[in-house]
Protein backbone atom coordinates (compact mmCIF):
# COMPACT_ATOMS: atom_id res chain seq x y z
CA MET A 1 -9.59 -51.43 9.76
CA GLU A 2 -11.54 -54.46 8.85
CA LEU A 3 -15.34 -53.93 7.77
CA SER A 4 -18.35 -55.69 8.51
CA TYR A 5 -20.95 -56.53 5.70
CA TRP A 6 -23.20 -54.10 7.70
CA GLU A 7 -20.67 -51.25 7.55
CA ILE A 8 -20.13 -51.86 3.92
CA LYS A 9 -23.79 -51.95 2.96
CA SER A 10 -24.62 -48.91 5.09
CA TRP A 11 -21.69 -46.38 4.57
CA PHE A 12 -19.42 -47.37 1.49
CA THR A 13 -22.01 -48.86 -1.31
CA HIS A 14 -23.11 -47.05 -3.99
CA ILE A 15 -21.47 -43.46 -3.02
CA ASP A 16 -22.19 -40.73 -5.39
CA PHE A 17 -20.09 -38.14 -4.13
CA THR A 18 -17.54 -38.37 -1.60
CA VAL A 19 -16.42 -34.82 0.01
CA VAL A 20 -12.90 -34.71 1.51
CA GLY A 21 -12.73 -32.20 4.41
CA SER A 22 -15.96 -30.80 6.62
CA GLY A 23 -14.91 -27.10 6.75
CA ILE A 24 -17.00 -24.38 5.38
CA VAL A 25 -16.20 -25.45 1.94
CA GLY A 26 -16.81 -29.03 2.32
CA LEU A 27 -20.02 -28.60 4.45
CA SER A 28 -21.36 -26.32 1.92
CA CYS A 29 -20.52 -28.47 -0.94
CA ALA A 30 -22.41 -31.38 0.21
CA LEU A 31 -25.41 -29.20 1.25
CA TYR A 32 -25.64 -27.84 -2.42
CA LEU A 33 -25.22 -31.29 -3.95
CA LYS A 34 -27.83 -32.70 -1.79
CA GLU A 35 -29.97 -29.53 -3.26
CA ARG A 36 -29.09 -30.70 -6.81
CA PHE A 37 -29.32 -34.33 -6.14
CA PRO A 38 -31.91 -35.01 -3.58
CA ILE A 39 -31.55 -38.73 -3.64
CA ALA A 40 -27.75 -38.91 -4.06
CA ASN A 41 -25.79 -40.86 -1.08
CA ILE A 42 -23.12 -38.18 -0.26
CA LEU A 43 -20.14 -39.06 2.08
CA ILE A 44 -17.76 -36.28 4.03
CA LEU A 45 -14.59 -37.58 5.32
CA GLU A 46 -12.71 -35.45 7.94
CA LYS A 47 -9.46 -36.20 9.56
CA GLY A 48 -9.81 -34.49 12.71
CA ILE A 49 -12.33 -35.02 15.56
CA LEU A 50 -13.72 -31.41 14.65
CA PRO A 51 -13.20 -29.74 11.06
CA GLN A 52 -9.12 -29.66 10.91
CA GLY A 53 -7.94 -26.71 9.06
CA ALA A 54 -9.22 -23.14 9.81
CA SER A 55 -12.98 -23.33 9.82
CA THR A 56 -13.38 -23.79 13.30
CA LYS A 57 -9.91 -22.16 14.42
CA ASN A 58 -10.55 -18.57 12.75
CA ALA A 59 -11.28 -15.53 14.42
CA GLY A 60 -14.80 -15.08 13.25
CA PHE A 61 -14.17 -11.90 10.90
CA SER A 62 -17.03 -11.35 8.56
CA CYS A 63 -14.79 -9.42 6.63
CA PHE A 64 -13.73 -8.63 2.63
CA GLY A 65 -10.15 -6.72 3.24
CA SER A 66 -9.15 -3.52 4.55
CA ILE A 67 -8.25 -0.54 2.77
CA SER A 68 -4.50 -1.43 3.07
CA GLU A 69 -5.02 -4.87 2.02
CA ILE A 70 -7.23 -3.89 -1.05
CA LEU A 71 -4.39 -1.62 -2.09
CA ASP A 72 -1.95 -4.41 -1.66
CA ASP A 73 -3.95 -6.45 -3.93
CA LEU A 74 -4.00 -3.78 -6.47
CA SER A 75 -0.22 -3.77 -6.85
CA SER A 76 -0.60 -7.34 -8.22
CA HIS A 77 -4.02 -7.52 -9.45
CA THR A 78 -5.73 -5.47 -11.95
CA GLU A 79 -8.87 -3.27 -10.40
CA LYS A 80 -11.25 -5.84 -12.06
CA GLU A 81 -9.91 -8.66 -10.36
CA VAL A 82 -9.73 -6.87 -7.04
CA PHE A 83 -13.32 -5.69 -7.81
CA GLU A 84 -14.42 -9.40 -8.37
CA LEU A 85 -12.38 -10.67 -5.17
CA VAL A 86 -14.48 -8.27 -2.92
CA LYS A 87 -17.97 -8.83 -4.77
CA LYS A 88 -17.21 -12.80 -4.36
CA ARG A 89 -16.28 -12.34 -0.46
CA VAL A 90 -19.50 -9.98 -0.10
CA ASP A 91 -21.48 -12.50 -2.15
CA GLY A 92 -20.32 -15.33 -0.10
CA LEU A 93 -21.11 -13.73 3.31
CA GLN A 94 -24.54 -12.90 2.15
CA LEU A 95 -24.88 -16.75 1.25
CA LEU A 96 -23.58 -17.74 4.20
CA ARG A 97 -26.28 -15.62 6.20
CA GLN A 98 -29.08 -16.69 3.96
CA THR A 99 -28.16 -20.40 4.53
CA LEU A 100 -27.81 -20.18 8.35
CA GLY A 101 -29.52 -17.17 9.60
CA ASP A 102 -27.79 -14.08 11.47
CA LYS A 103 -28.79 -15.55 14.98
CA ALA A 104 -27.57 -19.01 14.38
CA MET A 105 -23.87 -17.64 14.20
CA ASN A 106 -24.44 -14.75 16.56
CA TYR A 107 -23.83 -12.18 13.29
CA GLU A 108 -23.19 -8.47 14.47
CA GLU A 109 -22.18 -5.68 11.86
CA LEU A 110 -20.27 -3.65 14.30
CA GLY A 111 -17.80 -2.35 11.78
CA GLY A 112 -14.24 -2.61 11.34
CA TYR A 113 -11.38 -0.21 11.70
CA GLU A 114 -7.70 -0.14 10.65
CA LEU A 115 -5.04 1.06 13.09
CA PHE A 116 -1.87 2.65 11.91
CA THR A 117 1.41 2.54 14.04
CA LYS A 118 3.18 5.79 14.24
CA GLN A 119 6.42 4.42 13.25
CA ASP A 120 5.28 4.01 9.51
CA ASP A 121 3.41 6.21 6.89
CA LEU A 122 0.88 3.52 5.88
CA PHE A 123 -2.11 5.85 7.26
CA GLU A 124 -0.61 8.55 4.73
CA GLN A 125 -0.23 6.08 1.88
CA CYS A 126 -4.04 4.95 2.35
CA LEU A 127 -5.52 8.53 3.01
CA PRO A 128 -5.62 9.85 -0.44
CA LYS A 129 -6.96 6.67 -1.70
CA ILE A 130 -9.94 6.35 0.18
CA GLU A 131 -11.91 8.25 -2.33
CA HIS A 132 -10.92 5.96 -5.33
CA ILE A 133 -11.22 2.77 -3.13
CA ASN A 134 -14.95 3.99 -2.36
CA HIS A 135 -15.61 4.63 -5.88
CA LEU A 136 -14.08 1.16 -7.23
CA LEU A 137 -16.61 -0.66 -4.86
CA TYR A 138 -19.67 1.36 -4.99
CA PRO A 139 -21.43 -0.92 -7.61
CA ILE A 140 -21.03 -3.63 -5.19
CA PHE A 141 -22.37 -1.48 -1.65
CA LYS A 142 -24.30 1.51 -3.15
CA ASP A 143 -22.49 3.71 -0.66
CA SER A 144 -19.19 4.51 0.47
CA VAL A 145 -17.25 1.81 2.58
CA PHE A 146 -14.41 3.58 4.18
CA SER A 147 -14.21 6.67 6.10
CA ILE A 148 -11.87 8.57 8.65
CA THR A 149 -12.80 8.34 12.43
CA PRO A 150 -10.95 9.30 15.63
CA ASN A 151 -9.20 7.03 17.95
CA SER A 152 -12.25 6.51 20.05
CA PHE A 153 -11.13 3.12 21.72
CA LYS A 154 -7.95 5.29 23.03
CA PHE A 155 -5.66 2.60 21.96
CA GLN A 156 -1.94 3.92 22.12
CA ASN A 157 1.09 3.89 20.16
CA VAL A 158 -0.95 4.27 16.73
CA LYS A 159 -2.54 7.12 14.74
CA ASN A 160 -5.07 9.57 16.20
CA GLN A 161 -7.44 8.35 13.41
CA TYR A 162 -8.59 5.01 12.27
CA ILE A 163 -9.92 4.01 8.61
CA PHE A 164 -13.47 2.86 9.28
CA ASN A 165 -15.34 0.27 7.53
CA GLN A 166 -19.31 0.27 8.12
CA PHE A 167 -19.82 -3.14 6.55
CA GLU A 168 -17.62 -5.13 8.47
CA GLY A 169 -19.13 -7.90 10.81
CA GLN A 170 -18.25 -10.39 13.23
CA ILE A 171 -19.60 -14.29 13.93
CA ASP A 172 -19.20 -16.57 16.59
CA THR A 173 -17.07 -19.22 14.51
CA GLY A 174 -18.13 -22.27 16.82
CA LYS A 175 -21.75 -21.48 16.48
CA MET A 176 -21.58 -21.23 13.02
CA MET A 177 -20.10 -24.27 12.24
CA GLU A 178 -22.09 -26.00 14.60
CA SER A 179 -25.12 -24.85 12.77
CA LEU A 180 -23.65 -25.92 9.18
CA MET A 181 -22.81 -29.26 10.59
CA GLY A 182 -26.47 -29.72 12.08
CA LEU A 183 -28.00 -28.71 8.74
CA VAL A 184 -25.95 -31.09 6.72
CA LEU A 185 -26.75 -33.78 9.00
CA LYS A 186 -30.38 -33.10 9.11
CA LYS A 187 -30.29 -33.58 4.98
CA GLY A 188 -29.12 -37.43 5.94
CA ILE A 189 -25.51 -36.60 4.61
CA LYS A 190 -22.96 -38.85 6.47
CA ILE A 191 -19.89 -37.25 8.08
CA LEU A 192 -17.01 -39.82 9.22
CA ASN A 193 -14.20 -38.18 11.56
CA GLY A 194 -10.76 -39.40 12.07
CA ILE A 195 -10.54 -40.62 8.38
CA THR A 196 -7.39 -39.31 6.55
CA VAL A 197 -7.58 -39.63 2.51
CA LYS A 198 -4.22 -41.01 1.77
CA SER A 199 -4.41 -41.34 -1.79
CA PHE A 200 -6.93 -42.00 -4.64
CA SER A 201 -6.97 -43.36 -8.32
CA GLU A 202 -9.50 -43.34 -11.00
CA SER A 203 -11.04 -45.32 -13.47
CA ILE A 204 -13.61 -44.55 -16.34
CA ASN A 205 -16.62 -43.94 -13.93
CA LYS A 206 -15.14 -44.50 -10.31
CA VAL A 207 -12.57 -43.45 -8.02
CA LYS A 208 -10.91 -45.63 -5.46
CA VAL A 209 -10.07 -43.73 -2.29
CA ARG A 210 -7.29 -45.18 0.13
CA THR A 211 -7.46 -43.63 3.77
CA ASN A 212 -5.75 -44.24 6.87
CA ARG A 213 -8.40 -47.15 7.78
CA PHE A 214 -10.15 -48.56 4.88
CA GLU A 215 -10.69 -48.52 0.84
CA PHE A 216 -13.70 -47.84 -0.84
CA SER A 217 -15.04 -46.38 -4.31
CA THR A 218 -17.13 -43.57 -5.13
CA SER A 219 -18.39 -42.02 -8.29
CA LYS A 220 -17.09 -38.76 -7.40
CA LEU A 221 -14.66 -37.28 -5.24
CA LEU A 222 -14.57 -33.42 -4.16
CA ILE A 223 -11.20 -32.27 -2.41
CA ALA A 224 -12.00 -29.09 0.08
CA THR A 225 -8.94 -29.53 2.22
CA ASN A 226 -7.59 -25.94 1.60
CA GLY A 227 -4.40 -25.60 3.51
CA PHE A 228 -3.73 -29.41 3.37
CA ALA A 229 -4.44 -29.37 -0.54
CA LEU A 230 -1.01 -30.40 -1.35
CA ASN A 231 -1.09 -34.01 0.42
CA LEU A 232 -3.46 -34.66 -2.70
CA LEU A 233 -3.32 -32.23 -5.29
CA ASP A 234 -0.53 -30.65 -7.30
CA GLU A 235 -2.08 -26.87 -7.57
CA ASP A 236 -0.67 -23.59 -6.38
CA VAL A 237 -1.48 -23.65 -2.87
CA LYS A 238 0.41 -23.97 0.25
CA PRO A 239 -0.21 -23.79 3.91
CA ALA A 240 -0.20 -20.93 6.08
CA ARG A 241 -0.45 -21.11 9.83
CA ALA A 242 -2.50 -18.33 11.96
CA GLN A 243 -1.75 -18.06 15.45
CA VAL A 244 -4.32 -16.89 18.16
CA LEU A 245 -4.67 -16.32 21.74
CA ILE A 246 -7.79 -14.86 23.81
CA THR A 247 -7.75 -13.11 27.05
CA LYS A 248 -9.99 -14.17 29.93
CA PRO A 249 -13.11 -11.99 30.28
CA ILE A 250 -12.16 -8.32 30.97
CA LYS A 251 -14.68 -6.17 33.10
CA ASN A 252 -16.18 -3.18 31.34
CA LEU A 253 -14.55 -4.05 28.22
CA HIS A 254 -15.36 -0.99 26.07
CA ILE A 255 -13.61 -2.25 22.52
CA LYS A 256 -16.73 -3.54 20.22
CA GLY A 257 -15.76 -4.46 16.16
CA THR A 258 -13.25 -5.88 14.65
CA PHE A 259 -9.93 -4.22 14.21
CA HIS A 260 -6.75 -4.67 11.47
CA LEU A 261 -3.47 -3.67 12.20
CA ASN A 262 -0.45 -3.77 9.98
CA ARG A 263 -1.85 -4.28 6.68
CA GLY A 264 -4.30 -6.86 8.05
CA TYR A 265 -1.20 -9.27 9.72
CA TYR A 266 -2.46 -8.33 13.08
CA TYR A 267 -6.15 -8.64 13.60
CA PHE A 268 -8.44 -8.60 17.06
CA ARG A 269 -11.94 -8.29 18.28
CA ASN A 270 -14.14 -8.51 21.29
CA ILE A 271 -16.18 -11.57 22.23
CA ASP A 272 -17.77 -12.62 25.49
CA ASP A 273 -16.24 -9.60 27.28
CA ARG A 274 -12.42 -10.94 25.88
CA ILE A 275 -10.09 -9.62 23.51
CA LEU A 276 -9.16 -12.28 20.61
CA LEU A 277 -6.01 -11.45 18.88
CA GLY A 278 -4.17 -13.22 16.19
CA GLY A 279 -1.55 -12.88 13.48
CA GLY A 280 2.24 -12.27 13.21
CA ARG A 281 2.84 -14.58 10.42
CA HIS A 282 5.05 -12.00 8.63
CA LEU A 283 7.35 -12.40 11.59
CA ASP A 284 8.26 -15.87 10.11
CA PHE A 285 6.90 -16.42 6.85
CA GLU A 286 9.03 -19.63 6.24
CA GLY A 287 8.33 -21.08 9.54
CA GLU A 288 4.57 -20.37 9.56
CA GLU A 289 4.58 -22.46 5.96
CA THR A 290 3.40 -25.53 7.97
CA THR A 291 0.63 -27.85 8.51
CA GLU A 292 1.47 -28.36 12.11
CA PHE A 293 -0.68 -27.15 14.55
CA ASN A 294 1.19 -25.16 17.40
CA GLN A 295 2.40 -21.92 18.57
CA THR A 296 6.00 -20.25 18.78
CA SER A 297 7.36 -17.90 21.34
CA LEU A 298 8.42 -15.10 18.75
CA ILE A 299 4.73 -14.85 17.62
CA GLN A 300 2.84 -15.33 20.84
CA ASN A 301 5.37 -12.84 22.56
CA LYS A 302 4.60 -10.09 19.92
CA LEU A 303 0.79 -10.64 20.48
CA GLU A 304 1.12 -10.06 24.03
CA THR A 305 3.04 -7.15 23.60
CA LEU A 306 0.72 -5.52 21.27
CA LEU A 307 -1.89 -6.32 24.08
CA LYS A 308 0.21 -4.74 26.47
CA THR A 309 1.23 -1.75 24.66
CA VAL A 310 -1.48 -0.70 22.20
CA ILE A 311 -4.85 -2.49 22.66
CA LEU A 312 -5.05 -2.63 26.32
CA PRO A 313 -2.09 -0.49 27.91
CA GLU A 314 -4.31 0.66 31.11
CA THR A 315 -6.27 -2.53 31.77
CA ASP A 316 -5.04 -5.75 33.66
CA PHE A 317 -5.62 -8.93 31.35
CA GLU A 318 -4.67 -12.70 31.57
CA ILE A 319 -4.25 -15.29 28.53
CA ASP A 320 -6.81 -17.84 28.72
CA HIS A 321 -6.01 -19.73 25.95
CA ARG A 322 -3.78 -19.92 22.62
CA TRP A 323 -4.18 -21.83 19.35
CA SER A 324 -3.63 -22.14 15.66
CA GLY A 325 -5.30 -22.58 12.82
CA ILE A 326 -4.08 -23.68 8.91
CA MET A 327 -5.14 -21.66 5.96
CA GLY A 328 -4.52 -21.98 2.40
CA LEU A 329 -2.66 -19.22 0.30
CA GLY A 330 -1.01 -19.06 -3.11
CA SER A 331 0.47 -16.57 -5.73
CA ARG A 332 -2.92 -15.35 -6.60
CA LYS A 333 -5.88 -14.59 -4.25
CA LYS A 334 -8.41 -16.29 -6.54
CA ALA A 335 -9.67 -19.81 -5.25
CA ILE A 336 -8.88 -22.57 -7.00
CA VAL A 337 -12.24 -24.16 -8.19
CA LYS A 338 -11.92 -26.89 -10.80
CA GLN A 339 -12.31 -30.36 -12.31
CA VAL A 340 -9.00 -31.89 -11.77
CA SER A 341 -9.90 -35.10 -13.81
CA ASN A 342 -12.77 -36.78 -14.97
CA ASN A 343 -14.35 -37.65 -11.77
CA VAL A 344 -12.17 -35.78 -9.27
CA PHE A 345 -12.76 -31.81 -8.51
CA CYS A 346 -11.07 -29.50 -5.82
CA GLY A 347 -12.16 -26.08 -4.00
CA VAL A 348 -9.10 -24.80 -2.31
CA ARG A 349 -6.78 -21.81 -1.78
CA LEU A 350 -9.22 -19.33 0.16
CA GLY A 351 -6.46 -17.10 0.71
CA GLY A 352 -7.48 -16.37 4.39
CA MET A 353 -10.87 -15.67 3.49
CA GLY A 354 -12.67 -18.68 4.58
CA VAL A 355 -15.49 -17.32 6.40
CA ALA A 356 -16.25 -14.98 3.58
CA ILE A 357 -15.83 -17.18 0.56
CA GLY A 358 -16.35 -20.56 1.93
CA SER A 359 -19.98 -21.28 1.24
CA LEU A 360 -19.80 -19.84 -2.15
CA VAL A 361 -16.74 -21.89 -3.17
CA GLY A 362 -18.56 -24.88 -1.93
CA LYS A 363 -21.37 -24.12 -3.96
CA GLU A 364 -19.22 -23.66 -7.10
CA LEU A 365 -17.48 -26.91 -6.18
CA ALA A 366 -21.00 -28.49 -6.16
CA ASP A 367 -22.04 -26.78 -9.58
CA LEU A 368 -19.13 -28.46 -11.70
CA THR A 369 -20.37 -32.11 -10.97
CA GLU A 370 -22.93 -34.17 -12.52
CA VAL A 371 -24.34 -37.87 -11.43
C-alpha cells in the first residue's frame, strides 16, 4: 500500500505507542496510556473489521469461576494462587464496571448456577468443598459465594440441586465493546482496522513494524492479541476456539441467569428472550486448538442435543445463528503481562476470562511502559 505525504504525516509520524489488537485488553491499555501520558500519540492496529479474537464473540458472562472450575484449579495451583486468580477477576470486573458504567453494557447480577449431570458424581465431589471454598474466598467478597439451590428452572437429566453463585452477572458484549471503542475514540486515540502486523524489529529507541499494507516506526509496541499471540511472540499461549449458538426468541422464556455445566465446558444464559449456548471444546481439544473461525458438526450437534434434552426439553426452539471466538490458553491460568524487550511489551493468555480480567490486564500492560 502506497502512503501519501498526508497519511504519513497524520497517522504514522511520531507515534509514541502502538497497540496491536483492539479487544478489551488493547482498548483498555490505550485508555490507560492516554491517562498516564495525555499528549502521547497512540495508535491501535486491528486485523479485523471488528475486534477479531473473543472480545466481541464471547458469551457475555461476568464471572470468576464456578466451584468445579475453582476445585480443578486447586489441583494444579496453590490456594494462594487460586485466591489471587479469583481476586484479579473480581477486581477486573469492578474496573470494567467503573470505566463504562453498568447501564452502558446492560450489566445484570442475576446469579450463576452450576448444573450437574445425573451420569457423574461431580456434584458429590463439590458438595463437601463448598464451605472450604467460601472460607477461602471470604476476604474478597465478605460473604459466602456458593450455596445449594433446587432445580427451579426444571432442567432435565441433571441433579435435583444446583450450586448457586450469588455474585455472578452478565453483560451485553456488543454494547460493552461499542462503549469501550467510543471512549477510546473520544480520547483522540486512532484505530486502524484491516491491518495485520506481520513482524517487527527493534533498534535502540524505535520499533519498526511491518504490516500487510505498510511499514512504520513507533517508540513502543504493545501486543494484546491473546489467542493469536504466537504469530508475533514466543510465549506459553495457544489458541483455543469456543463455538457458540443462539436461538430465536422464545415466548415466555423463564430461564434467567448464567449457567455452567460439566466443569464449565458448557455454558448458557438468557439474552433478549433467547438462549445463548456455547462450549464443547473438550470434545476435540486438538481440533479446537486453532485460530480458524468456524463451527464443527461434532460440537454444534452436541450443543443442540443439550438444548433438547437438558435446557429446553419441553419447548420448541429454532437456532438463529452460530459463531466462534478464539481464546488464549496456556499451561498456567495467570495472564502473561511482561516486557518482551526494550521497547516491546505484551498482555496475553487471558485463559477464557477476558471479560473479567481484560481491563485489568490492559491497565497492567500500560503501567509497564514509559515515554
